């Protein structure tokens, strides 16, 4: 699949992809017998991306980076990019059609992550819902040192299973760091960073009502559910991202003539009041990421 909907804003490159598009990409990587990372961006990952060189290196290795953030969709649209609501894909929605596709296409799936017992609990639920699903798992509470016995044993288990799809759910940025450090040793076709995906399936973490996700309010549900763990993510990090947005608005307002970017924004002028409104909206549209 050619990259026809790739956009750069808030300092990062993203691909506007639907669930159908993502499933087709997995099928393509398997058909070509290539190893692809399909990453995702939300406001939390953007904050980490701009403050962690390892995260920048990880995203540079990713073949595609889909949008897992309704606030990012809103911001992209405000900046003039033709991003659709269905091109915000979160694993709370994607895991079900992904597993259905895995059964239909005979894909083997390996899930690495979650606390001991949770991964198997989630995998058992998925097997019951999707008879014939080939899924193996291992918990993510291991010594992540590259040469540790636990890490080597985990890699051996993954490669012995020969999965078409490897889902890594250790939370950001641990999962991205682990993939980067072990990429050359992983034998699979598609690597997905899926955060708390299986925790949602297992019921360990309550799944936000899907209408809240569509309205960009999933962050509020998660903040109320886990305030001690998530307060900084949703109440502090967005202010850093506001500076990025203001920079985008400044460049947008001052762009005139010259060579346009591949993804051309709409030709509109933003008045100061409009710029302030966008800043305020970005400060309240926090993020609903997975861990």
Protein backbone atom coordinates (compact mmCIF):
# COMPACT_ATOMS: atom_id res chain seq x y z
CA UNK A 1 0.00 0.00 0.00
CA UNK A 2 1.46 3.33 -1.05
CA UNK A 3 1.57 6.13 1.50
CA UNK A 4 -1.10 8.45 0.13
CA UNK A 5 -2.33 9.91 3.42
CA UNK A 6 0.82 10.76 5.34
CA UNK A 7 0.89 14.06 7.20
CA UNK A 8 3.29 15.91 9.45
CA UNK A 9 2.07 18.06 12.30
CA UNK A 10 2.99 18.65 15.94
CA UNK A 11 6.50 17.71 14.84
CA UNK A 12 5.71 14.10 13.91
CA UNK A 13 4.77 12.11 10.82
CA UNK A 14 1.52 10.13 10.93
CA UNK A 15 -0.46 8.01 8.49
CA UNK A 16 -4.23 8.43 8.31
CA UNK A 17 -5.34 4.79 8.25
CA UNK A 18 -8.59 3.01 9.06
CA UNK A 19 -8.95 -0.44 10.62
CA UNK A 20 -9.46 -1.90 7.16
CA UNK A 21 -6.29 -0.18 5.91
CA UNK A 22 -4.29 -1.53 8.85
CA UNK A 23 -5.50 -5.09 8.33
CA UNK A 24 -4.53 -4.82 4.67
CA UNK A 25 -1.06 -3.62 5.66
CA UNK A 26 -0.58 -6.63 7.90
CA UNK A 27 -1.67 -8.88 5.03
CA UNK A 28 0.80 -7.10 2.74
CA UNK A 29 3.74 -7.53 5.12
CA UNK A 30 2.94 -11.23 5.46
CA UNK A 31 2.52 -11.65 1.71
CA UNK A 32 5.90 -10.01 1.09
CA UNK A 33 7.45 -11.88 4.05
CA UNK A 34 8.86 -8.60 5.34
CA UNK A 35 9.20 -7.29 8.89
CA UNK A 36 7.27 -4.08 9.47
CA UNK A 37 6.64 -2.03 12.58
CA UNK A 38 3.19 -0.46 12.61
CA UNK A 39 3.37 2.10 15.40
CA UNK A 40 0.87 4.68 16.58
CA UNK A 41 0.85 8.22 17.88
CA UNK A 42 -1.27 9.89 20.51
CA UNK A 43 -0.62 13.00 22.60
CA UNK A 44 1.33 11.05 25.21
CA UNK A 45 3.60 9.46 22.60
CA UNK A 46 4.15 12.90 21.02
CA UNK A 47 5.31 14.22 24.38
CA UNK A 48 7.69 11.27 24.74
CA UNK A 49 8.81 11.59 21.12
CA UNK A 50 9.95 15.18 21.66
CA UNK A 51 11.75 14.36 24.92
CA UNK A 52 13.25 10.91 24.30
CA UNK A 53 15.84 10.27 21.55
CA UNK A 54 15.12 6.53 21.79
CA UNK A 55 11.50 7.17 20.87
CA UNK A 56 12.61 9.23 17.89
CA UNK A 57 14.83 6.36 16.77
CA UNK A 58 11.94 3.92 17.16
CA UNK A 59 9.52 5.92 15.04
CA UNK A 60 12.21 6.30 12.37
CA UNK A 61 12.17 2.49 12.08
CA UNK A 62 8.39 2.23 11.80
CA UNK A 63 6.96 1.48 8.37
CA UNK A 64 3.66 3.14 9.29
CA UNK A 65 2.39 5.19 12.23
CA UNK A 66 -1.37 5.37 12.60
CA UNK A 67 -3.33 7.86 14.70
CA UNK A 68 -4.59 6.65 18.07
CA UNK A 69 -5.98 9.93 19.34
CA UNK A 70 -9.20 11.76 18.61
CA UNK A 71 -7.63 15.03 19.81
CA UNK A 72 -4.96 14.56 17.11
CA UNK A 73 -7.72 14.11 14.55
CA UNK A 74 -9.33 17.34 15.76
CA UNK A 75 -6.03 19.22 15.68
CA UNK A 76 -5.17 17.86 12.24
CA UNK A 77 -8.53 18.97 10.89
CA UNK A 78 -8.12 22.40 12.47
CA UNK A 79 -4.79 22.71 10.66
CA UNK A 80 -6.46 21.78 7.38
CA UNK A 81 -5.52 18.12 6.94
CA UNK A 82 -8.27 15.83 5.54
CA UNK A 83 -8.19 13.34 8.41
CA UNK A 84 -11.40 11.42 9.07
CA UNK A 85 -12.81 10.20 12.38
CA UNK A 86 -12.53 6.57 11.27
CA UNK A 87 -8.79 7.12 10.79
CA UNK A 88 -8.36 7.32 14.54
CA UNK A 89 -7.76 3.70 15.52
CA UNK A 90 -7.39 2.55 19.11
CA UNK A 91 -6.80 -1.05 20.12
CA UNK A 92 -9.97 -1.08 22.21
CA UNK A 93 -11.75 -0.99 18.84
CA UNK A 94 -9.20 -2.69 16.58
CA UNK A 95 -8.43 -5.84 18.60
CA UNK A 96 -11.74 -7.49 17.70
CA UNK A 97 -11.64 -7.11 13.89
CA UNK A 98 -7.89 -7.84 14.03
CA UNK A 99 -8.46 -11.19 15.74
CA UNK A 100 -11.32 -11.99 13.34
CA UNK A 101 -9.02 -11.30 10.40
CA UNK A 102 -6.31 -13.45 12.00
CA UNK A 103 -8.74 -16.39 12.12
CA UNK A 104 -9.93 -15.85 8.56
CA UNK A 105 -6.40 -15.55 7.18
CA UNK A 106 -4.75 -18.15 9.43
CA UNK A 107 -2.37 -15.68 11.03
CA UNK A 108 -0.49 -16.71 14.16
CA UNK A 109 -0.47 -14.00 16.84
CA UNK A 110 1.91 -13.65 19.78
CA UNK A 111 1.14 -11.18 22.54
CA UNK A 112 3.93 -9.98 24.84
CA UNK A 113 2.90 -7.81 27.77
CA UNK A 114 0.67 -7.29 30.81
CA UNK A 115 1.15 -8.73 34.30
CA UNK A 116 1.61 -12.47 34.83
CA UNK A 117 -1.71 -14.24 34.27
CA UNK A 118 -3.44 -11.31 32.58
CA UNK A 119 -2.12 -12.05 29.09
CA UNK A 120 -3.32 -15.66 29.22
CA UNK A 121 -6.67 -14.57 30.64
CA UNK A 122 -7.15 -12.15 27.74
CA UNK A 123 -5.95 -14.71 25.19
CA UNK A 124 -8.43 -17.26 26.57
CA UNK A 125 -11.30 -14.79 26.10
CA UNK A 126 -10.18 -14.12 22.54
CA UNK A 127 -9.97 -17.86 21.77
CA UNK A 128 -13.52 -18.34 23.04
CA UNK A 129 -14.84 -15.46 20.98
CA UNK A 130 -12.88 -16.42 17.87
CA UNK A 131 -12.72 -20.22 17.55
CA UNK A 132 -9.64 -21.30 15.66
CA UNK A 133 -7.61 -18.27 16.70
CA UNK A 134 -3.91 -19.11 16.97
CA UNK A 135 -2.57 -16.95 19.76
CA UNK A 136 0.26 -17.47 22.24
CA UNK A 137 1.39 -15.05 24.93
CA UNK A 138 3.98 -14.18 27.54
CA UNK A 139 3.81 -11.59 30.31
CA UNK A 140 5.82 -8.41 29.98
CA UNK A 141 7.28 -8.24 33.50
CA UNK A 142 10.71 -9.46 32.50
CA UNK A 143 14.26 -8.24 32.86
CA UNK A 144 14.40 -6.20 29.66
CA UNK A 145 18.19 -6.10 29.55
CA UNK A 146 19.08 -7.27 26.07
CA UNK A 147 21.35 -10.08 27.27
CA UNK A 148 19.37 -11.20 30.32
CA UNK A 149 18.21 -14.79 30.48
CA UNK A 150 14.57 -13.72 30.74
CA UNK A 151 14.84 -11.57 27.64
CA UNK A 152 16.62 -14.26 25.65
CA UNK A 153 14.03 -16.83 26.72
CA UNK A 154 11.22 -14.50 25.67
CA UNK A 155 12.77 -13.99 22.23
CA UNK A 156 13.23 -17.75 21.90
CA UNK A 157 9.55 -18.34 22.73
CA UNK A 158 8.42 -15.76 20.17
CA UNK A 159 10.63 -17.13 17.41
CA UNK A 160 9.70 -20.73 18.16
CA UNK A 161 6.03 -19.85 17.67
CA UNK A 162 6.81 -18.11 14.34
CA UNK A 163 4.05 -15.52 14.64
CA UNK A 164 2.83 -13.50 11.69
CA UNK A 165 1.85 -10.73 14.11
CA UNK A 166 3.70 -9.77 17.30
CA UNK A 167 1.77 -7.51 19.66
CA UNK A 168 3.88 -5.82 22.34
CA UNK A 169 1.90 -4.37 25.24
CA UNK A 170 4.38 -3.05 27.79
CA UNK A 171 3.17 0.54 27.78
CA UNK A 172 4.96 3.61 26.43
CA UNK A 173 7.90 4.00 26.18
CA UNK A 174 8.91 0.55 27.43
CA UNK A 175 7.38 -1.33 24.52
CA UNK A 176 9.01 0.93 21.93
CA UNK A 177 12.40 0.69 23.65
CA UNK A 178 12.15 -3.11 23.84
CA UNK A 179 11.27 -3.43 20.16
CA UNK A 180 14.12 -1.15 19.08
CA UNK A 181 16.67 -3.01 21.19
CA UNK A 182 15.57 -6.47 20.02
CA UNK A 183 14.34 -5.80 16.49
CA UNK A 184 17.10 -7.66 14.70
CA UNK A 185 16.40 -10.81 16.73
CA UNK A 186 12.60 -10.85 16.34
CA UNK A 187 11.26 -13.20 13.68
CA UNK A 188 7.81 -12.01 12.60
CA UNK A 189 6.13 -10.00 9.87
CA UNK A 190 4.20 -7.26 11.68
CA UNK A 191 5.08 -5.75 15.04
CA UNK A 192 2.34 -3.76 16.78
CA UNK A 193 2.69 -1.54 19.86
CA UNK A 194 -0.61 -2.21 21.61
CA UNK A 195 -0.27 -0.94 25.19
CA UNK A 196 -3.04 -2.20 27.48
CA UNK A 197 -4.94 -3.96 24.70
CA UNK A 198 -5.15 -7.34 26.41
CA UNK A 199 -5.79 -5.72 29.80
CA UNK A 200 -8.98 -4.28 28.31
CA UNK A 201 -9.93 -7.67 26.87
CA UNK A 202 -9.28 -9.39 30.21
CA UNK A 203 -11.30 -6.74 32.05
CA UNK A 204 -8.38 -5.76 34.29
CA UNK A 205 -8.69 -2.17 33.09
CA UNK A 206 -12.24 -0.90 32.39
CA UNK A 207 -12.83 -0.07 28.75
CA UNK A 208 -14.10 3.49 28.27
CA UNK A 209 -17.52 3.72 26.61
CA UNK A 210 -16.91 3.85 22.89
CA UNK A 211 -19.03 6.98 22.47
CA UNK A 212 -16.54 8.81 24.67
CA UNK A 213 -13.73 7.73 22.36
CA UNK A 214 -15.59 9.07 19.33
CA UNK A 215 -16.17 12.38 21.10
CA UNK A 216 -12.55 12.74 22.20
CA UNK A 217 -13.45 12.27 25.88
CA UNK A 218 -11.82 8.91 26.56
CA UNK A 219 -9.03 10.71 28.40
CA UNK A 220 -11.53 11.93 31.00
CA UNK A 221 -12.82 8.41 31.71
CA UNK A 222 -9.28 7.10 32.09
CA UNK A 223 -8.23 10.01 34.30
CA UNK A 224 -11.18 9.44 36.63
CA UNK A 225 -10.45 5.69 36.67
CA UNK A 226 -6.70 6.01 37.43
CA UNK A 227 -6.05 9.57 38.68
CA UNK A 228 -2.82 8.83 40.58
CA UNK A 229 -1.17 7.20 37.57
CA UNK A 230 -2.52 9.40 34.79
CA UNK A 231 -2.86 12.93 36.21
CA UNK A 232 0.48 14.08 34.81
CA UNK A 233 -0.21 12.61 31.39
CA UNK A 234 -3.52 14.39 30.98
CA UNK A 235 -3.06 17.55 33.03
CA UNK A 236 0.63 18.43 32.52
CA UNK A 237 1.94 16.99 29.25
CA UNK A 238 -0.65 18.74 27.02
CA UNK A 239 0.75 22.14 27.97
CA UNK A 240 4.06 21.18 26.40
CA UNK A 241 2.18 20.15 23.28
CA UNK A 242 0.46 23.54 23.21
CA UNK A 243 3.82 25.13 22.41
CA UNK A 244 4.13 22.81 19.41
CA UNK A 245 0.65 23.72 18.26
CA UNK A 246 1.34 27.45 18.59
CA UNK A 247 4.46 26.96 16.50
CA UNK A 248 2.38 25.15 13.89
CA UNK A 249 -0.15 28.00 13.86
CA UNK A 250 2.60 30.60 13.54
CA UNK A 251 4.16 28.78 10.59
CA UNK A 252 0.71 28.23 9.10
CA UNK A 253 -0.17 31.92 9.27
CA UNK A 254 3.19 33.01 7.83
CA UNK A 255 3.41 30.45 5.06
CA UNK A 256 3.16 32.21 1.73
CA UNK A 257 4.01 30.89 -1.73
CA UNK A 258 7.07 28.71 -2.24
CA UNK A 259 7.16 24.96 -2.40
CA UNK A 260 4.27 23.32 -0.56
CA UNK A 261 4.52 20.19 1.51
CA UNK A 262 3.28 16.95 0.10
CA UNK A 263 0.29 17.13 2.42
CA UNK A 264 -1.10 20.62 1.64
CA UNK A 265 -3.24 22.29 4.26
CA UNK A 266 -6.23 24.37 3.29
CA UNK A 267 -5.55 27.93 2.20
CA UNK A 268 -7.11 29.79 5.10
CA UNK A 269 -5.98 32.63 7.34
CA UNK A 270 -6.16 32.29 11.09
CA UNK A 271 -6.95 35.41 13.07
CA UNK A 272 -5.38 35.82 16.53
CA UNK A 273 -8.65 34.93 18.30
CA UNK A 274 -8.91 31.76 16.23
CA UNK A 275 -5.33 30.83 17.10
CA UNK A 276 -6.07 31.29 20.80
CA UNK A 277 -9.21 29.16 20.48
CA UNK A 278 -7.22 26.33 18.88
CA UNK A 279 -4.65 26.54 21.67
CA UNK A 280 -7.38 26.32 24.30
CA UNK A 281 -8.99 23.36 22.55
CA UNK A 282 -5.69 21.51 22.35
CA UNK A 283 -5.12 22.10 26.06
CA UNK A 284 -8.40 20.41 26.94
CA UNK A 285 -8.39 17.64 24.35
CA UNK A 286 -6.00 15.40 26.23
CA UNK A 287 -5.02 11.89 25.35
CA UNK A 288 -6.49 8.43 25.72
CA UNK A 289 -3.42 6.23 25.29
CA UNK A 290 -3.21 2.71 26.46
CA UNK A 291 -0.85 2.45 29.39
